[in-house]
PDB file of N, CA and C in Angstrom:
ATOM      1  N   GLY A   1      38.898  21.007 -17.473  1.00  0.00           N
ATOM      2  CA  GLY A   1      37.756  20.998 -16.616  1.00  0.00           C
ATOM      3  C   GLY A   1      38.087  20.361 -15.285  1.00  0.00           C
ATOM      4  N   VAL A   2      37.144  20.440 -14.398  1.00  0.00           N
ATOM      5  CA  VAL A   2      37.288  19.901 -13.047  1.00  0.00           C
ATOM      6  C   VAL A   2      36.065  19.050 -12.740  1.00  0.00           C
ATOM      7  N   ASP A   3      36.278  17.891 -12.097  1.00  0.00           N
ATOM      8  CA  ASP A   3      35.149  17.092 -11.638  1.00  0.00           C
ATOM      9  C   ASP A   3      35.525  16.332 -10.370  1.00  0.00           C
ATOM     10  N   GLN A   4      34.561  15.628  -9.819  1.00  0.00           N
ATOM     11  CA  GLN A   4      34.709  14.831  -8.604  1.00  0.00           C
ATOM     12  C   GLN A   4      35.296  15.651  -7.454  1.00  0.00           C
ATOM     13  N   VAL A   5      34.710  16.814  -7.204  1.00  0.00           N
ATOM     14  CA  VAL A   5      35.169  17.699  -6.129  1.00  0.00           C
ATOM     15  C   VAL A   5      34.685  17.143  -4.787  1.00  0.00           C
ATOM     16  N   LEU A   6      35.624  16.956  -3.855  1.00  0.00           N
ATOM     17  CA  LEU A   6      35.304  16.421  -2.536  1.00  0.00           C
ATOM     18  C   LEU A   6      35.884  17.333  -1.455  1.00  0.00           C
ATOM     19  N   PRO A   7      35.048  18.195  -0.850  1.00  0.00           N
ATOM     20  CA  PRO A   7      35.526  19.053   0.244  1.00  0.00           C
ATOM     21  C   PRO A   7      35.314  18.359   1.596  1.00  0.00           C
ATOM     22  N   VAL A   8      36.329  18.429   2.462  1.00  0.00           N
ATOM     23  CA  VAL A   8      36.240  17.852   3.800  1.00  0.00           C
ATOM     24  C   VAL A   8      36.790  18.872   4.792  1.00  0.00           C
ATOM     25  N   GLN A   9      35.989  19.215   5.796  1.00  0.00           N
ATOM     26  CA  GLN A   9      36.481  20.137   6.820  1.00  0.00           C
ATOM     27  C   GLN A   9      37.381  19.344   7.762  1.00  0.00           C
ATOM     28  N   VAL A  10      38.642  19.781   7.912  1.00  0.00           N
ATOM     29  CA  VAL A  10      39.623  19.057   8.718  1.00  0.00           C
ATOM     30  C   VAL A  10      40.008  19.811   9.987  1.00  0.00           C
ATOM     31  N   GLY A  11      39.470  20.997  10.174  1.00  0.00           N
ATOM     32  CA  GLY A  11      39.737  21.799  11.365  1.00  0.00           C
ATOM     33  C   GLY A  11      38.731  22.926  11.438  1.00  0.00           C
ATOM     34  N   SER A  12      38.804  23.702  12.502  1.00  0.00           N
ATOM     35  CA  SER A  12      37.858  24.805  12.680  1.00  0.00           C
ATOM     36  C   SER A  12      37.872  25.782  11.513  1.00  0.00           C
ATOM     37  N   TYR A  13      39.046  26.007  10.948  1.00  0.00           N
ATOM     38  CA  TYR A  13      39.198  26.976   9.859  1.00  0.00           C
ATOM     39  C   TYR A  13      39.834  26.363   8.610  1.00  0.00           C
ATOM     40  N   SER A  14      39.926  25.028   8.560  1.00  0.00           N
ATOM     41  CA  SER A  14      40.667  24.373   7.475  1.00  0.00           C
ATOM     42  C   SER A  14      39.794  23.398   6.699  1.00  0.00           C
ATOM     43  N   TRP A  15      40.006  23.415   5.391  1.00  0.00           N
ATOM     44  CA  TRP A  15      39.312  22.502   4.485  1.00  0.00           C
ATOM     45  C   TRP A  15      40.336  21.817   3.599  1.00  0.00           C
ATOM     46  N   LEU A  16      40.141  20.510   3.358  1.00  0.00           N
ATOM     47  CA  LEU A  16      40.942  19.757   2.406  1.00  0.00           C
ATOM     48  C   LEU A  16      40.017  19.448   1.233  1.00  0.00           C
ATOM     49  N   VAL A  17      40.364  19.934   0.055  1.00  0.00           N
ATOM     50  CA  VAL A  17      39.525  19.746  -1.126  1.00  0.00           C
ATOM     51  C   VAL A  17      40.314  18.949  -2.152  1.00  0.00           C
ATOM     52  N   SER A  18      39.703  17.886  -2.638  1.00  0.00           N
ATOM     53  CA  SER A  18      40.325  17.028  -3.640  1.00  0.00           C
ATOM     54  C   SER A  18      39.449  17.043  -4.887  1.00  0.00           C
ATOM     55  N   PHE A  19      40.084  17.066  -6.060  1.00  0.00           N
ATOM     56  CA  PHE A  19      39.318  17.036  -7.307  1.00  0.00           C
ATOM     57  C   PHE A  19      40.197  16.530  -8.439  1.00  0.00           C
ATOM     58  N   LYS A  20      39.538  16.072  -9.509  1.00  0.00           N
ATOM     59  CA  LYS A  20      40.252  15.688 -10.728  1.00  0.00           C
ATOM     60  C   LYS A  20      40.269  16.884 -11.660  1.00  0.00           C
ATOM     61  N   LYS A  21      41.445  17.181 -12.185  1.00  0.00           N
ATOM     62  CA  LYS A  21      41.602  18.291 -13.126  1.00  0.00           C
ATOM     63  C   LYS A  21      42.013  17.699 -14.470  1.00  0.00           C
ATOM     64  N   TRP A  22      41.275  18.058 -15.513  1.00  0.00           N
ATOM     65  CA  TRP A  22      41.527  17.555 -16.858  1.00  0.00           C
ATOM     66  C   TRP A  22      42.092  18.666 -17.729  1.00  0.00           C
ATOM     67  N   GLU A  23      43.120  18.338 -18.496  1.00  0.00           N
ATOM     68  CA  GLU A  23      43.738  19.304 -19.402  1.00  0.00           C
ATOM     69  C   GLU A  23      43.905  18.674 -20.775  1.00  0.00           C
ATOM     70  N   LEU A  24      43.857  19.505 -21.793  1.00  0.00           N
ATOM     71  CA  LEU A  24      44.157  19.064 -23.153  1.00  0.00           C
ATOM     72  C   LEU A  24      45.545  19.548 -23.527  1.00  0.00           C
ATOM     73  N   SER A  25      46.325  18.642 -24.109  1.00  0.00           N
ATOM     74  CA  SER A  25      47.645  18.988 -24.617  1.00  0.00           C
ATOM     75  C   SER A  25      47.690  18.451 -26.038  1.00  0.00           C
ATOM     76  N   GLY A  26      47.426  19.326 -27.005  1.00  0.00           N
ATOM     77  CA  GLY A  26      47.270  18.855 -28.379  1.00  0.00           C
ATOM     78  C   GLY A  26      46.014  18.018 -28.441  1.00  0.00           C
ATOM     79  N   GLU A  27      46.154  16.749 -28.822  1.00  0.00           N
ATOM     80  CA  GLU A  27      45.009  15.837 -28.867  1.00  0.00           C
ATOM     81  C   GLU A  27      44.941  14.950 -27.633  1.00  0.00           C
ATOM     82  N   ASP A  28      45.934  15.048 -26.755  1.00  0.00           N
ATOM     83  CA  ASP A  28      45.982  14.216 -25.559  1.00  0.00           C
ATOM     84  C   ASP A  28      45.188  14.852 -24.427  1.00  0.00           C
ATOM     85  N   ARG A  29      44.413  14.028 -23.743  1.00  0.00           N
ATOM     86  CA  ARG A  29      43.678  14.473 -22.563  1.00  0.00           C
ATOM     87  C   ARG A  29      44.408  13.933 -21.342  1.00  0.00           C
ATOM     88  N   ARG A  30      44.789  14.804 -20.433  1.00  0.00           N
ATOM     89  CA  ARG A  30      45.548  14.414 -19.252  1.00  0.00           C
ATOM     90  C   ARG A  30      44.736  14.712 -18.002  1.00  0.00           C
ATOM     91  N   CYS A  31      44.939  13.878 -16.988  1.00  0.00           N
ATOM     92  CA  CYS A  31      44.202  14.050 -15.737  1.00  0.00           C
ATOM     93  C   CYS A  31      45.164  14.015 -14.559  1.00  0.00           C
ATOM     94  N   CYS A  32      44.897  14.857 -13.595  1.00  0.00           N
ATOM     95  CA  CYS A  32      45.638  14.766 -12.340  1.00  0.00           C
ATOM     96  C   CYS A  32      44.660  14.930 -11.187  1.00  0.00           C
ATOM     97  N   ILE A  33      44.981  14.258 -10.092  1.00  0.00           N
ATOM     98  CA  ILE A  33      44.225  14.450  -8.863  1.00  0.00           C
ATOM     99  C   ILE A  33      44.906  15.584  -8.119  1.00  0.00           C
ATOM    100  N   THR A  34      44.142  16.598  -7.807  1.00  0.00           N
ATOM    101  CA  THR A  34      44.668  17.775  -7.120  1.00  0.00           C
ATOM    102  C   THR A  34      44.067  17.827  -5.723  1.00  0.00           C
ATOM    103  N   THR A  35      44.915  18.061  -4.739  1.00  0.00           N
ATOM    104  CA  THR A  35      44.481  18.206  -3.356  1.00  0.00           C
ATOM    105  C   THR A  35      44.932  19.575  -2.871  1.00  0.00           C
ATOM    106  N   VAL A  36      44.000  20.319  -2.286  1.00  0.00           N
ATOM    107  CA  VAL A  36      44.278  21.685  -1.849  1.00  0.00           C
ATOM    108  C   VAL A  36      43.890  21.827  -0.378  1.00  0.00           C
ATOM    109  N   LEU A  37      44.764  22.441   0.410  1.00  0.00           N
ATOM    110  CA  LEU A  37      44.441  22.782   1.790  1.00  0.00           C
ATOM    111  C   LEU A  37      44.084  24.262   1.817  1.00  0.00           C
ATOM    112  N   LEU A  38      42.867  24.559   2.275  1.00  0.00           N
ATOM    113  CA  LEU A  38      42.357  25.929   2.311  1.00  0.00           C
ATOM    114  C   LEU A  38      42.136  26.369   3.753  1.00  0.00           C
ATOM    115  N   SER A  39      42.305  27.657   4.005  1.00  0.00           N
ATOM    116  CA  SER A  39      42.077  28.210   5.339  1.00  0.00           C
ATOM    117  C   SER A  39      41.089  29.368   5.261  1.00  0.00           C
ATOM    118  N   SER A  40      40.171  29.393   6.227  1.00  0.00           N
ATOM    119  CA  SER A  40      39.223  30.512   6.323  1.00  0.00           C
ATOM    120  C   SER A  40      39.511  31.366   7.555  1.00  0.00           C
ATOM    121  N   LYS A  41      40.633  31.111   8.226  1.00  0.00           N
ATOM    122  CA  LYS A  41      40.973  31.849   9.446  1.00  0.00           C
ATOM    123  C   LYS A  41      41.168  33.327   9.134  1.00  0.00           C
ATOM    124  N   ASN A  42      40.535  34.170   9.942  1.00  0.00           N
ATOM    125  CA  ASN A  42      40.614  35.627   9.794  1.00  0.00           C
ATOM    126  C   ASN A  42      40.123  36.112   8.428  1.00  0.00           C
ATOM    127  N   LYS A  43      39.178  35.398   7.822  1.00  0.00           N
ATOM    128  CA  LYS A  43      38.631  35.753   6.509  1.00  0.00           C
ATOM    129  C   LYS A  43      37.125  35.936   6.609  1.00  0.00           C
ATOM    130  N   THR A  44      36.590  36.769   5.742  1.00  0.00           N
ATOM    131  CA  THR A  44      35.142  36.890   5.606  1.00  0.00           C
ATOM    132  C   THR A  44      34.736  36.152   4.338  1.00  0.00           C
ATOM    133  N   VAL A  45      33.454  35.955   4.155  1.00  0.00           N
ATOM    134  CA  VAL A  45      32.968  35.298   2.936  1.00  0.00           C
ATOM    135  C   VAL A  45      33.435  36.063   1.703  1.00  0.00           C
ATOM    136  N   ALA A  46      33.411  37.388   1.777  1.00  0.00           N
ATOM    137  CA  ALA A  46      33.828  38.217   0.636  1.00  0.00           C
ATOM    138  C   ALA A  46      35.320  38.060   0.331  1.00  0.00           C
ATOM    139  N   ASP A  47      36.133  37.785   1.365  1.00  0.00           N
ATOM    140  CA  ASP A  47      37.577  37.604   1.167  1.00  0.00           C
ATOM    141  C   ASP A  47      37.900  36.308   0.439  1.00  0.00           C
ATOM    142  N   GLY A  48      37.056  35.303   0.608  1.00  0.00           N
ATOM    143  CA  GLY A  48      37.355  33.992   0.061  1.00  0.00           C
ATOM    144  C   GLY A  48      38.253  33.218   1.012  1.00  0.00           C
ATOM    145  N   LEU A  49      38.867  32.167   0.517  1.00  0.00           N
ATOM    146  CA  LEU A  49      39.732  31.315   1.320  1.00  0.00           C
ATOM    147  C   LEU A  49      41.182  31.496   0.894  1.00  0.00           C
ATOM    148  N   THR A  50      42.098  31.174   1.801  1.00  0.00           N
ATOM    149  CA  THR A  50      43.526  31.219   1.491  1.00  0.00           C
ATOM    150  C   THR A  50      43.990  29.820   1.118  1.00  0.00           C
ATOM    151  N   TRP A  51      44.623  29.696  -0.046  1.00  0.00           N
ATOM    152  CA  TRP A  51      45.208  28.427  -0.462  1.00  0.00           C
ATOM    153  C   TRP A  51      46.544  28.295   0.257  1.00  0.00           C
ATOM    154  N   THR A  52      46.673  27.302   1.142  1.00  0.00           N
ATOM    155  CA  THR A  52      47.907  27.169   1.910  1.00  0.00           C
ATOM    156  C   THR A  52      48.827  26.080   1.371  1.00  0.00           C
ATOM    157  N   HIS A  53      48.274  25.116   0.616  1.00  0.00           N
ATOM    158  CA  HIS A  53      49.099  24.054   0.030  1.00  0.00           C
ATOM    159  C   HIS A  53      48.351  23.439  -1.147  1.00  0.00           C
ATOM    160  N   VAL A  54      49.083  23.106  -2.204  1.00  0.00           N
ATOM    161  CA  VAL A  54      48.510  22.437  -3.376  1.00  0.00           C
ATOM    162  C   VAL A  54      49.411  21.263  -3.734  1.00  0.00           C
ATOM    163  N   HIS A  55      48.801  20.098  -3.985  1.00  0.00           N
ATOM    164  CA  HIS A  55      49.558  18.923  -4.427  1.00  0.00           C
ATOM    165  C   HIS A  55      48.837  18.318  -5.624  1.00  0.00           C
ATOM    166  N   GLN A  56      49.607  17.942  -6.662  1.00  0.00           N
ATOM    167  CA  GLN A  56      49.023  17.312  -7.846  1.00  0.00           C
ATOM    168  C   GLN A  56      49.696  15.971  -8.094  1.00  0.00           C
ATOM    169  N   THR A  57      48.875  14.958  -8.410  1.00  0.00           N
ATOM    170  CA  THR A  57      49.373  13.641  -8.796  1.00  0.00           C
ATOM    171  C   THR A  57      48.818  13.326 -10.175  1.00  0.00           C
ATOM    172  N   TRP A  58      49.707  13.214 -11.166  1.00  0.00           N
ATOM    173  CA  TRP A  58      49.276  12.923 -12.533  1.00  0.00           C
ATOM    174  C   TRP A  58      48.983  11.442 -12.672  1.00  0.00           C
ATOM    175  N   LEU A  59      47.874  11.102 -13.337  1.00  0.00           N
ATOM    176  CA  LEU A  59      47.445   9.720 -13.503  1.00  0.00           C
ATOM    177  C   LEU A  59      48.025   9.091 -14.762  1.00  0.00           C
ATOM    178  N   HIS A  60      48.177   7.782 -14.738  1.00  0.00           N
ATOM    179  CA  HIS A  60      48.614   6.988 -15.887  1.00  0.00           C
ATOM    180  C   HIS A  60      49.933   7.473 -16.477  1.00  0.00           C
ATOM    181  N   GLY A  61      50.845   7.893 -15.645  1.00  0.00           N
ATOM    182  CA  GLY A  61      52.155   8.314 -16.117  1.00  0.00           C
ATOM    183  C   GLY A  61      52.167   9.652 -16.813  1.00  0.00           C
ATOM    184  N   ALA A  62      51.021  10.313 -16.906  1.00  0.00           N
ATOM    185  CA  ALA A  62      50.982  11.632 -17.543  1.00  0.00           C
ATOM    186  C   ALA A  62      51.613  12.647 -16.610  1.00  0.00           C
ATOM    187  N   ALA A  63      52.341  13.560 -17.178  1.00  0.00           N
ATOM    188  CA  ALA A  63      52.960  14.620 -16.380  1.00  0.00           C
ATOM    189  C   ALA A  63      52.816  15.920 -17.133  1.00  0.00           C
ATOM    190  N   ALA A  64      52.945  16.988 -16.427  1.00  0.00           N
ATOM    191  CA  ALA A  64      52.900  18.293 -17.083  1.00  0.00           C
ATOM    192  C   ALA A  64      54.019  18.346 -18.106  1.00  0.00           C
ATOM    193  N   SER A  65      53.751  18.932 -19.251  1.00  0.00           N
ATOM    194  CA  SER A  65      54.734  18.953 -20.333  1.00  0.00           C
ATOM    195  C   SER A  65      55.837  19.966 -20.091  1.00  0.00           C
ATOM    196  N   ASP A  66      55.646  20.855 -19.152  1.00  0.00           N
ATOM    197  CA  ASP A  66      56.687  21.822 -18.819  1.00  0.00           C
ATOM    198  C   ASP A  66      56.587  22.132 -17.337  1.00  0.00           C
ATOM    199  N   SER A  67      57.445  22.969 -16.857  1.00  0.00           N
ATOM    200  CA  SER A  67      57.402  23.322 -15.434  1.00  0.00           C
ATOM    201  C   SER A  67      56.784  24.701 -15.262  1.00  0.00           C
ATOM    202  N   THR A  68      55.581  24.846 -15.785  1.00  0.00           N
ATOM    203  CA  THR A  68      54.854  26.100 -15.690  1.00  0.00           C
ATOM    204  C   THR A  68      54.538  26.411 -14.234  1.00  0.00           C
ATOM    205  N   THR A  69      54.705  27.638 -13.843  1.00  0.00           N
ATOM    206  CA  THR A  69      54.350  28.065 -12.497  1.00  0.00           C
ATOM    207  C   THR A  69      52.862  28.370 -12.452  1.00  0.00           C
ATOM    208  N   TRP A  70      52.202  27.896 -11.406  1.00  0.00           N
ATOM    209  CA  TRP A  70      50.769  28.121 -11.236  1.00  0.00           C
ATOM    210  C   TRP A  70      50.557  29.240 -10.245  1.00  0.00           C
ATOM    211  N   PHE A  71      49.661  30.160 -10.562  1.00  0.00           N
ATOM    212  CA  PHE A  71      49.300  31.237  -9.659  1.00  0.00           C
ATOM    213  C   PHE A  71      47.831  31.105  -9.314  1.00  0.00           C
ATOM    214  N   PHE A  72      47.515  31.118  -8.029  1.00  0.00           N
ATOM    215  CA  PHE A  72      46.126  31.022  -7.578  1.00  0.00           C
ATOM    216  C   PHE A  72      45.763  32.258  -6.821  1.00  0.00           C
TER     217      PHE A  72
END
């Protein structure tokens, strides 16, 4: 799940969105703070936003159990 979503407009066409992402791995619950830079330049509402950068910081020493590639 996702919670604590905080969107901040940082430019005319740019948004920085931060949120906590929770995952289950077996019985363990893991959390990471995810920060995404989004762009609306040359986009319509129907097009959505372009994800230009994603950064994840795992909390309490938790890390992804593998190096799975993420597709957005």
